[in-house]
PDB file of N, CA and C in Angstrom:
ATOM      1  N   MET A   1      -8.898   4.133 -17.419  1.00  0.00           N
ATOM      2  CA  MET A   1      -8.582   3.967 -16.014  1.00  0.00           C
ATOM      3  C   MET A   1      -7.467   4.935 -15.645  1.00  0.00           C
ATOM      4  N   GLU A   2      -7.619   5.573 -14.503  1.00  0.00           N
ATOM      5  CA  GLU A   2      -6.593   6.505 -14.055  1.00  0.00           C
ATOM      6  C   GLU A   2      -5.618   5.836 -13.084  1.00  0.00           C
ATOM      7  N   GLN A   3      -4.381   6.300 -13.101  1.00  0.00           N
ATOM      8  CA  GLN A   3      -3.354   5.780 -12.213  1.00  0.00           C
ATOM      9  C   GLN A   3      -3.429   6.514 -10.882  1.00  0.00           C
ATOM     10  N   ILE A   4      -3.428   5.758  -9.795  1.00  0.00           N
ATOM     11  CA  ILE A   4      -3.522   6.326  -8.454  1.00  0.00           C
ATOM     12  C   ILE A   4      -2.350   5.829  -7.619  1.00  0.00           C
ATOM     13  N   TYR A   5      -1.702   6.740  -6.882  1.00  0.00           N
ATOM     14  CA  TYR A   5      -0.594   6.424  -5.994  1.00  0.00           C
ATOM     15  C   TYR A   5      -0.893   7.100  -4.653  1.00  0.00           C
ATOM     16  N   ILE A   6      -0.868   6.328  -3.579  1.00  0.00           N
ATOM     17  CA  ILE A   6      -1.184   6.841  -2.248  1.00  0.00           C
ATOM     18  C   ILE A   6      -0.030   6.535  -1.301  1.00  0.00           C
ATOM     19  N   GLU A   7       0.379   7.523  -0.510  1.00  0.00           N
ATOM     20  CA  GLU A   7       1.368   7.327   0.548  1.00  0.00           C
ATOM     21  C   GLU A   7       0.732   7.686   1.878  1.00  0.00           C
ATOM     22  N   GLY A   8       1.166   7.012   2.933  1.00  0.00           N
ATOM     23  CA  GLY A   8       0.637   7.312   4.253  1.00  0.00           C
ATOM     24  C   GLY A   8       1.515   6.738   5.342  1.00  0.00           C
ATOM     25  N   SER A   9       1.018   6.789   6.558  1.00  0.00           N
ATOM     26  CA  SER A   9       1.748   6.252   7.695  1.00  0.00           C
ATOM     27  C   SER A   9       0.811   5.412   8.557  1.00  0.00           C
ATOM     28  N   ILE A  10       1.410   4.463   9.264  1.00  0.00           N
ATOM     29  CA  ILE A  10       0.678   3.592  10.186  1.00  0.00           C
ATOM     30  C   ILE A  10       1.450   3.612  11.500  1.00  0.00           C
ATOM     31  N   LYS A  11       0.742   3.807  12.588  1.00  0.00           N
ATOM     32  CA  LYS A  11       1.381   3.811  13.905  1.00  0.00           C
ATOM     33  C   LYS A  11       0.762   2.696  14.746  1.00  0.00           C
ATOM     34  N   ILE A  12       1.600   1.752  15.163  1.00  0.00           N
ATOM     35  CA  ILE A  12       1.154   0.646  16.013  1.00  0.00           C
ATOM     36  C   ILE A  12       2.032   0.637  17.249  1.00  0.00           C
ATOM     37  N   ASN A  13       1.401   0.703  18.421  1.00  0.00           N
ATOM     38  CA  ASN A  13       2.128   0.704  19.694  1.00  0.00           C
ATOM     39  C   ASN A  13       3.260   1.727  19.713  1.00  0.00           C
ATOM     40  N   GLY A  14       2.996   2.889  19.148  1.00  0.00           N
ATOM     41  CA  GLY A  14       3.954   3.986  19.188  1.00  0.00           C
ATOM     42  C   GLY A  14       5.027   3.947  18.117  1.00  0.00           C
ATOM     43  N   GLU A  15       5.111   2.878  17.326  1.00  0.00           N
ATOM     44  CA  GLU A  15       6.127   2.788  16.271  1.00  0.00           C
ATOM     45  C   GLU A  15       5.473   3.036  14.916  1.00  0.00           C
ATOM     46  N   LYS A  16       5.992   4.029  14.233  1.00  0.00           N
ATOM     47  CA  LYS A  16       5.409   4.486  12.972  1.00  0.00           C
ATOM     48  C   LYS A  16       6.151   3.887  11.786  1.00  0.00           C
ATOM     49  N   SER A  17       5.397   3.534  10.751  1.00  0.00           N
ATOM     50  CA  SER A  17       5.986   3.119   9.476  1.00  0.00           C
ATOM     51  C   SER A  17       5.280   3.882   8.368  1.00  0.00           C
ATOM     52  N   LEU A  18       5.899   3.929   7.220  1.00  0.00           N
ATOM     53  CA  LEU A  18       5.340   4.583   6.050  1.00  0.00           C
ATOM     54  C   LEU A  18       4.983   3.519   5.025  1.00  0.00           C
ATOM     55  N   PHE A  19       4.021   3.837   4.140  1.00  0.00           N
ATOM     56  CA  PHE A  19       3.628   2.879   3.123  1.00  0.00           C
ATOM     57  C   PHE A  19       3.201   3.600   1.856  1.00  0.00           C
ATOM     58  N   SER A  20       3.180   2.851   0.770  1.00  0.00           N
ATOM     59  CA  SER A  20       2.594   3.353  -0.471  1.00  0.00           C
ATOM     60  C   SER A  20       1.802   2.222  -1.107  1.00  0.00           C
ATOM     61  N   ILE A  21       0.707   2.583  -1.743  1.00  0.00           N
ATOM     62  CA  ILE A  21      -0.091   1.641  -2.511  1.00  0.00           C
ATOM     63  C   ILE A  21      -0.407   2.287  -3.852  1.00  0.00           C
ATOM     64  N   THR A  22      -0.693   1.468  -4.838  1.00  0.00           N
ATOM     65  CA  THR A  22      -1.048   1.979  -6.152  1.00  0.00           C
ATOM     66  C   THR A  22      -1.952   0.972  -6.852  1.00  0.00           C
ATOM     67  N   ASN A  23      -2.659   1.446  -7.838  1.00  0.00           N
ATOM     68  CA  ASN A  23      -3.450   0.535  -8.657  1.00  0.00           C
ATOM     69  C   ASN A  23      -2.722   0.210  -9.959  1.00  0.00           C
ATOM     70  N   ASP A  24      -1.470   0.598 -10.088  1.00  0.00           N
ATOM     71  CA  ASP A  24      -0.659   0.348 -11.277  1.00  0.00           C
ATOM     72  C   ASP A  24      -0.317  -1.147 -11.345  1.00  0.00           C
ATOM     73  N   SER A  25      -0.617  -1.779 -12.458  1.00  0.00           N
ATOM     74  CA  SER A  25      -0.380  -3.216 -12.600  1.00  0.00           C
ATOM     75  C   SER A  25       1.102  -3.578 -12.586  1.00  0.00           C
ATOM     76  N   ASN A  26       1.985  -2.618 -12.811  1.00  0.00           N
ATOM     77  CA  ASN A  26       3.427  -2.876 -12.815  1.00  0.00           C
ATOM     78  C   ASN A  26       4.087  -2.642 -11.463  1.00  0.00           C
ATOM     79  N   GLU A  27       3.325  -2.220 -10.481  1.00  0.00           N
ATOM     80  CA  GLU A  27       3.873  -1.935  -9.153  1.00  0.00           C
ATOM     81  C   GLU A  27       3.003  -2.581  -8.097  1.00  0.00           C
ATOM     82  N   GLY A  28       3.569  -2.801  -6.933  1.00  0.00           N
ATOM     83  CA  GLY A  28       2.818  -3.322  -5.807  1.00  0.00           C
ATOM     84  C   GLY A  28       2.851  -2.325  -4.669  1.00  0.00           C
ATOM     85  N   TRP A  29       2.491  -2.768  -3.501  1.00  0.00           N
ATOM     86  CA  TRP A  29       2.573  -1.897  -2.343  1.00  0.00           C
ATOM     87  C   TRP A  29       3.943  -2.046  -1.700  1.00  0.00           C
ATOM     88  N   SER A  30       4.298  -1.085  -0.876  1.00  0.00           N
ATOM     89  CA  SER A  30       5.539  -1.189  -0.107  1.00  0.00           C
ATOM     90  C   SER A  30       5.368  -0.451   1.211  1.00  0.00           C
ATOM     91  N   GLN A  31       6.217  -0.811   2.170  1.00  0.00           N
ATOM     92  CA  GLN A  31       6.253  -0.099   3.451  1.00  0.00           C
ATOM     93  C   GLN A  31       7.682  -0.090   3.969  1.00  0.00           C
ATOM     94  N   TRP A  32       7.996   0.916   4.772  1.00  0.00           N
ATOM     95  CA  TRP A  32       9.360   1.125   5.235  1.00  0.00           C
ATOM     96  C   TRP A  32       9.353   1.994   6.486  1.00  0.00           C
ATOM     97  N   GLY A  33      10.516   2.116   7.114  1.00  0.00           N
ATOM     98  CA  GLY A  33      10.686   3.062   8.215  1.00  0.00           C
ATOM     99  C   GLY A  33      10.479   2.504   9.602  1.00  0.00           C
ATOM    100  N   ALA A  34      10.474   1.179   9.749  1.00  0.00           N
ATOM    101  CA  ALA A  34      10.308   0.585  11.074  1.00  0.00           C
ATOM    102  C   ALA A  34      11.080  -0.739  11.107  1.00  0.00           C
ATOM    103  N   THR A  35      11.089  -1.364  12.266  1.00  0.00           N
ATOM    104  CA  THR A  35      11.760  -2.658  12.379  1.00  0.00           C
ATOM    105  C   THR A  35      11.030  -3.700  11.544  1.00  0.00           C
ATOM    106  N   GLN A  36      11.741  -4.754  11.175  1.00  0.00           N
ATOM    107  CA  GLN A  36      11.126  -5.834  10.386  1.00  0.00           C
ATOM    108  C   GLN A  36       9.930  -6.426  11.125  1.00  0.00           C
ATOM    109  N   GLU A  37      10.062  -6.609  12.431  1.00  0.00           N
ATOM    110  CA  GLU A  37       8.964  -7.167  13.216  1.00  0.00           C
ATOM    111  C   GLU A  37       7.737  -6.261  13.167  1.00  0.00           C
ATOM    112  N   ARG A  38       7.952  -4.972  13.307  1.00  0.00           N
ATOM    113  CA  ARG A  38       6.854  -4.013  13.278  1.00  0.00           C
ATOM    114  C   ARG A  38       6.220  -3.953  11.893  1.00  0.00           C
ATOM    115  N   LEU A  39       7.048  -3.998  10.833  1.00  0.00           N
ATOM    116  CA  LEU A  39       6.501  -4.001   9.474  1.00  0.00           C
ATOM    117  C   LEU A  39       5.652  -5.244   9.240  1.00  0.00           C
ATOM    118  N   TYR A  40       6.077  -6.370   9.796  1.00  0.00           N
ATOM    119  CA  TYR A  40       5.299  -7.600   9.685  1.00  0.00           C
ATOM    120  C   TYR A  40       3.913  -7.419  10.295  1.00  0.00           C
ATOM    121  N   ASP A  41       3.830  -6.678  11.398  1.00  0.00           N
ATOM    122  CA  ASP A  41       2.552  -6.451  12.068  1.00  0.00           C
ATOM    123  C   ASP A  41       1.564  -5.662  11.216  1.00  0.00           C
ATOM    124  N   SER A  42       2.051  -4.912  10.218  1.00  0.00           N
ATOM    125  CA  SER A  42       1.141  -4.094   9.412  1.00  0.00           C
ATOM    126  C   SER A  42       1.005  -4.558   7.963  1.00  0.00           C
ATOM    127  N   VAL A  43       1.591  -5.702   7.627  1.00  0.00           N
ATOM    128  CA  VAL A  43       1.479  -6.223   6.261  1.00  0.00           C
ATOM    129  C   VAL A  43       0.017  -6.377   5.873  1.00  0.00           C
ATOM    130  N   HIS A  44      -0.796  -6.962   6.739  1.00  0.00           N
ATOM    131  CA  HIS A  44      -2.206  -7.188   6.404  1.00  0.00           C
ATOM    132  C   HIS A  44      -2.963  -5.876   6.197  1.00  0.00           C
ATOM    133  N   ILE A  45      -2.554  -4.833   6.879  1.00  0.00           N
ATOM    134  CA  ILE A  45      -3.215  -3.535   6.731  1.00  0.00           C
ATOM    135  C   ILE A  45      -2.930  -2.952   5.348  1.00  0.00           C
ATOM    136  N   VAL A  46      -1.654  -2.928   4.963  1.00  0.00           N
ATOM    137  CA  VAL A  46      -1.277  -2.363   3.665  1.00  0.00           C
ATOM    138  C   VAL A  46      -1.859  -3.197   2.527  1.00  0.00           C
ATOM    139  N   ASP A  47      -1.822  -4.505   2.669  1.00  0.00           N
ATOM    140  CA  ASP A  47      -2.382  -5.391   1.651  1.00  0.00           C
ATOM    141  C   ASP A  47      -3.883  -5.153   1.485  1.00  0.00           C
ATOM    142  N   THR A  48      -4.589  -4.997   2.584  1.00  0.00           N
ATOM    143  CA  THR A  48      -6.033  -4.747   2.533  1.00  0.00           C
ATOM    144  C   THR A  48      -6.345  -3.395   1.898  1.00  0.00           C
ATOM    145  N   LEU A  49      -5.539  -2.384   2.199  1.00  0.00           N
ATOM    146  CA  LEU A  49      -5.740  -1.071   1.579  1.00  0.00           C
ATOM    147  C   LEU A  49      -5.580  -1.144   0.060  1.00  0.00           C
ATOM    148  N   GLN A  50      -4.547  -1.862  -0.399  1.00  0.00           N
ATOM    149  CA  GLN A  50      -4.352  -1.971  -1.846  1.00  0.00           C
ATOM    150  C   GLN A  50      -5.483  -2.771  -2.495  1.00  0.00           C
ATOM    151  N   GLU A  51      -5.914  -3.846  -1.857  1.00  0.00           N
ATOM    152  CA  GLU A  51      -7.035  -4.616  -2.387  1.00  0.00           C
ATOM    153  C   GLU A  51      -8.285  -3.751  -2.515  1.00  0.00           C
ATOM    154  N   ALA A  52      -8.546  -2.917  -1.514  1.00  0.00           N
ATOM    155  CA  ALA A  52      -9.713  -2.032  -1.554  1.00  0.00           C
ATOM    156  C   ALA A  52      -9.588  -1.014  -2.685  1.00  0.00           C
ATOM    157  N   LEU A  53      -8.392  -0.477  -2.890  1.00  0.00           N
ATOM    158  CA  LEU A  53      -8.175   0.470  -3.981  1.00  0.00           C
ATOM    159  C   LEU A  53      -8.488  -0.187  -5.326  1.00  0.00           C
ATOM    160  N   ILE A  54      -7.952  -1.367  -5.540  1.00  0.00           N
ATOM    161  CA  ILE A  54      -8.161  -2.060  -6.813  1.00  0.00           C
ATOM    162  C   ILE A  54      -9.622  -2.470  -6.987  1.00  0.00           C
ATOM    163  N   THR A  55     -10.260  -2.935  -5.924  1.00  0.00           N
ATOM    164  CA  THR A  55     -11.660  -3.335  -5.992  1.00  0.00           C
ATOM    165  C   THR A  55     -12.559  -2.154  -6.336  1.00  0.00           C
ATOM    166  N   ASN A  56     -12.290  -1.004  -5.744  1.00  0.00           N
ATOM    167  CA  ASN A  56     -13.155   0.155  -5.917  1.00  0.00           C
ATOM    168  C   ASN A  56     -12.834   1.020  -7.123  1.00  0.00           C
ATOM    169  N   VAL A  57     -11.589   0.976  -7.604  1.00  0.00           N
ATOM    170  CA  VAL A  57     -11.179   1.847  -8.712  1.00  0.00           C
ATOM    171  C   VAL A  57     -10.801   1.041  -9.947  1.00  0.00           C
ATOM    172  N   GLY A  58     -10.182  -0.114  -9.756  1.00  0.00           N
ATOM    173  CA  GLY A  58      -9.717  -0.921 -10.872  1.00  0.00           C
ATOM    174  C   GLY A  58      -8.220  -0.834 -11.015  1.00  0.00           C
ATOM    175  N   VAL A  59      -7.690  -1.667 -11.902  1.00  0.00           N
ATOM    176  CA  VAL A  59      -6.247  -1.738 -12.129  1.00  0.00           C
ATOM    177  C   VAL A  59      -5.863  -0.844 -13.289  1.00  0.00           C
ATOM    178  N   TYR A  60      -4.825  -0.059 -13.098  1.00  0.00           N
ATOM    179  CA  TYR A  60      -4.288   0.797 -14.151  1.00  0.00           C
ATOM    180  C   TYR A  60      -3.209   0.030 -14.916  1.00  0.00           C
ATOM    181  N   SER A  61      -3.253   0.120 -16.230  1.00  0.00           N
ATOM    182  CA  SER A  61      -2.221  -0.474 -17.067  1.00  0.00           C
ATOM    183  C   SER A  61      -1.912   0.477 -18.215  1.00  0.00           C
ATOM    184  N   GLU A  62      -0.626   0.717 -18.454  1.00  0.00           N
ATOM    185  CA  GLU A  62      -0.233   1.603 -19.541  1.00  0.00           C
ATOM    186  C   GLU A  62      -0.684   1.047 -20.888  1.00  0.00           C
ATOM    187  N   GLU A  63      -0.898  -0.235 -20.967  1.00  0.00           N
ATOM    188  CA  GLU A  63      -1.259  -0.899 -22.217  1.00  0.00           C
ATOM    189  C   GLU A  63      -2.709  -0.666 -22.609  1.00  0.00           C
ATOM    190  N   GLU A  64      -3.527  -0.143 -21.707  1.00  0.00           N
ATOM    191  CA  GLU A  64      -4.942   0.086 -22.022  1.00  0.00           C
ATOM    192  C   GLU A  64      -5.127   1.281 -22.920  1.00  0.00           C
TER     193      GLU A  64
END
């Protein structure tokens, strides 16, 4: 299994935030660069992107 790390941006109602997702079993997703309220509005988006990555590629683990 290969390790994948993706960074991007999400813009909702003109306010932009940044995010990262990975299939690494030792890391999760994260997002930053906007107000807490705005980040809350995009939690489901980032979570869904990471779920899709893991579903389609699989989980990377250094132990494999």
